Protein backbone atom coordinates (compact mmCIF):
# COMPACT_ATOMS: atom_id res chain seq x y z
CA MET A 1 -23.24 1.61 -38.38
CA ILE A 2 -26.89 0.78 -38.06
CA VAL A 3 -29.48 0.18 -40.64
CA VAL A 4 -33.25 0.83 -39.32
CA ASP A 5 -36.29 -0.64 -40.87
CA THR A 6 -39.29 1.35 -42.14
CA ASN A 7 -41.57 -0.06 -39.43
CA VAL A 8 -39.05 1.40 -36.86
CA PHE A 9 -39.17 4.89 -38.18
CA VAL A 10 -43.29 4.35 -38.49
CA GLY A 11 -43.13 3.33 -34.50
CA ALA A 12 -40.99 6.69 -33.68
CA CYS A 13 -44.06 8.89 -35.73
CA MET A 14 -46.41 6.56 -33.80
CA GLY A 15 -45.16 7.51 -30.45
CA VAL A 16 -43.75 4.12 -29.47
CA GLY A 17 -40.55 4.22 -26.97
CA ALA A 18 -38.01 2.58 -27.97
CA SER A 19 -38.74 3.48 -31.71
CA ALA A 20 -38.79 6.96 -31.06
CA GLN A 21 -35.45 6.34 -28.49
CA VAL A 22 -33.55 4.89 -31.63
CA VAL A 23 -34.65 7.58 -34.00
CA GLN A 24 -33.43 10.14 -31.47
CA HIS A 25 -30.17 8.35 -30.95
CA CYS A 26 -29.95 8.78 -34.60
CA LEU A 27 -30.93 12.21 -34.75
CA THR A 28 -28.30 12.71 -31.54
CA GLY A 29 -25.35 11.21 -33.61
CA VAL A 30 -25.11 7.90 -30.34
CA LEU A 31 -25.94 5.97 -33.46
CA GLN A 32 -24.80 6.32 -37.38
CA PRO A 33 -28.00 5.06 -39.58
CA ALA A 34 -27.19 3.66 -43.12
CA MET A 35 -29.39 4.47 -46.13
CA GLY A 36 -29.38 3.08 -49.44
CA SER A 37 -31.51 3.90 -52.49
CA THR A 38 -34.43 1.56 -52.11
CA LEU A 39 -34.47 1.85 -48.47
CA LEU A 40 -35.04 5.34 -49.20
CA LEU A 41 -37.39 4.87 -51.93
CA GLU A 42 -39.48 2.23 -49.59
CA TYR A 43 -39.43 4.77 -46.32
CA GLU A 44 -40.90 7.50 -48.93
CA ASP A 45 -43.56 4.66 -49.51
CA VAL A 46 -44.39 3.82 -46.45
CA MET A 47 -44.81 7.37 -45.16
CA ALA A 48 -47.15 8.42 -47.74
CA ARG A 49 -49.85 5.68 -46.65
CA ASN A 50 -51.87 8.19 -44.71
CA ALA A 51 -54.06 5.83 -43.27
CA LEU A 52 -51.58 3.99 -41.78
CA PHE A 53 -50.99 7.12 -39.64
CA ALA A 54 -54.20 7.54 -38.37
CA GLY A 55 -54.17 8.69 -34.84
CA CYS A 56 -50.76 9.50 -35.23
CA ARG A 57 -48.85 12.42 -33.04
CA LEU A 58 -47.29 13.38 -35.95
CA ASN A 59 -49.39 15.07 -38.81
CA VAL A 60 -48.28 14.96 -42.38
CA GLU A 61 -45.87 17.91 -42.42
CA GLU A 62 -44.45 17.03 -39.05
CA ARG A 63 -43.51 13.56 -40.27
CA ASP A 64 -42.12 15.07 -43.86
CA GLU A 65 -40.03 17.30 -41.54
CA LEU A 66 -38.48 14.46 -39.36
CA LEU A 67 -37.77 12.05 -42.32
CA ASP A 68 -35.78 14.67 -43.80
CA ILE A 69 -34.36 15.11 -41.06
CA PHE A 70 -33.50 11.45 -40.64
CA PHE A 71 -31.85 10.96 -44.36
CA ALA A 72 -29.37 14.22 -43.39
CA HIS A 73 -27.92 12.18 -40.13
CA CYS A 74 -27.95 9.06 -42.51
CA LYS A 75 -24.60 7.50 -44.05
CA TRP A 76 -25.54 6.96 -48.08
CA VAL A 77 -24.13 3.96 -48.78
CA LYS A 78 -23.83 2.21 -52.45
CA THR A 79 -25.17 -1.59 -52.76
CA TYR A 80 -23.32 -3.15 -55.70
CA PHE A 81 -23.71 -6.50 -55.20
CA SER A 82 -26.60 -8.74 -54.52
CA TRP A 83 -27.18 -11.47 -51.50
CA ARG A 84 -30.60 -12.83 -52.94
CA PRO A 85 -32.44 -14.91 -52.63
CA ASN A 86 -31.71 -14.39 -49.12
CA VAL A 87 -34.69 -14.00 -46.69
CA ARG A 88 -37.95 -15.00 -47.18
CA ASP A 89 -39.73 -12.26 -48.20
CA GLU A 90 -38.06 -10.59 -51.07
CA ALA A 91 -38.88 -7.30 -49.47
CA ASP A 92 -36.47 -7.48 -47.02
CA ASN A 93 -33.71 -8.60 -48.95
CA HIS A 94 -32.45 -4.86 -49.61
CA VAL A 95 -32.50 -3.88 -46.04
CA VAL A 96 -29.40 -6.90 -45.71
CA GLU A 97 -27.63 -5.83 -48.95
CA LEU A 98 -27.34 -2.37 -47.59
CA ALA A 99 -25.98 -3.60 -44.11
CA VAL A 100 -23.64 -5.65 -45.40
CA ALA A 101 -22.42 -3.23 -47.91
CA SER A 102 -22.07 -0.96 -45.27
CA GLY A 103 -20.55 -2.88 -42.52
CA ALA A 104 -23.46 -2.34 -40.14
CA SER A 105 -23.48 -4.09 -37.08
CA HIS A 106 -27.30 -4.16 -36.28
CA ILE A 107 -30.47 -4.61 -38.18
CA VAL A 108 -33.06 -2.52 -36.10
CA THR A 109 -36.61 -3.66 -37.24
CA TRP A 110 -39.73 -5.01 -35.22
CA ASN A 111 -40.14 -8.11 -37.64
CA THR A 112 -37.05 -10.11 -36.30
CA ARG A 113 -38.74 -13.31 -37.46
CA ASP A 114 -38.39 -12.19 -41.05
CA PHE A 115 -34.79 -12.14 -40.55
CA ALA A 116 -34.19 -15.23 -38.40
CA ALA A 117 -34.67 -17.55 -41.40
CA MET A 118 -31.49 -15.52 -43.38
CA GLU A 119 -30.16 -18.68 -45.73
CA LEU A 120 -26.40 -16.70 -45.80
CA ARG A 121 -25.19 -15.49 -42.73
CA PHE A 122 -23.08 -12.69 -41.46
CA PRO A 123 -21.53 -12.92 -38.52
CA LEU A 124 -20.91 -9.82 -37.68
CA LEU A 125 -24.27 -8.91 -38.51
CA ARG A 126 -26.63 -8.85 -35.81
CA VAL A 127 -30.88 -8.49 -36.18
CA VAL A 128 -32.50 -6.83 -33.05
CA THR A 129 -35.53 -5.15 -32.21
CA PRO A 130 -35.33 -1.20 -30.77
CA PRO A 131 -35.45 -2.50 -27.10
CA GLU A 132 -32.72 -4.87 -27.49
CA LEU A 133 -30.53 -2.64 -29.01
CA LEU A 134 -31.26 -0.16 -26.19
CA LYS A 135 -30.53 -2.78 -23.70
CA GLU A 136 -26.58 -2.73 -25.62
CA LEU A 137 -26.18 0.84 -25.68
CA LYS A 138 -26.63 1.22 -21.87
CA PRO A 139 -23.30 1.27 -20.07
């Protein structure tokens, strides 16, 4: 189980190789992404920012379809507790909470620095970039 931060999904839409590979692994069942209501709302908010996708290889309909397919491959997890404050960016606390609630092994993000200063440590949870995760998947 992993939590895919929104910046990785955006990267996949933009054609960033490692991000696209992580999302592809989620769609093919190699990786199981966790999803919660707060992260879903964040995904929808970010994906609606058309200016962010200027020059994107996917048009808005294709991005929406990819998002729907991705959501269909996610394991839906309810978060009943709050581990706040934990990370310096309040907007990232829900990602950690989802990871803990789902028993995820990894948070996959391009913003590892934001999670490096977590006040609470979870020994079985690693925060990695897409290339780092892909290295771990190779036999």
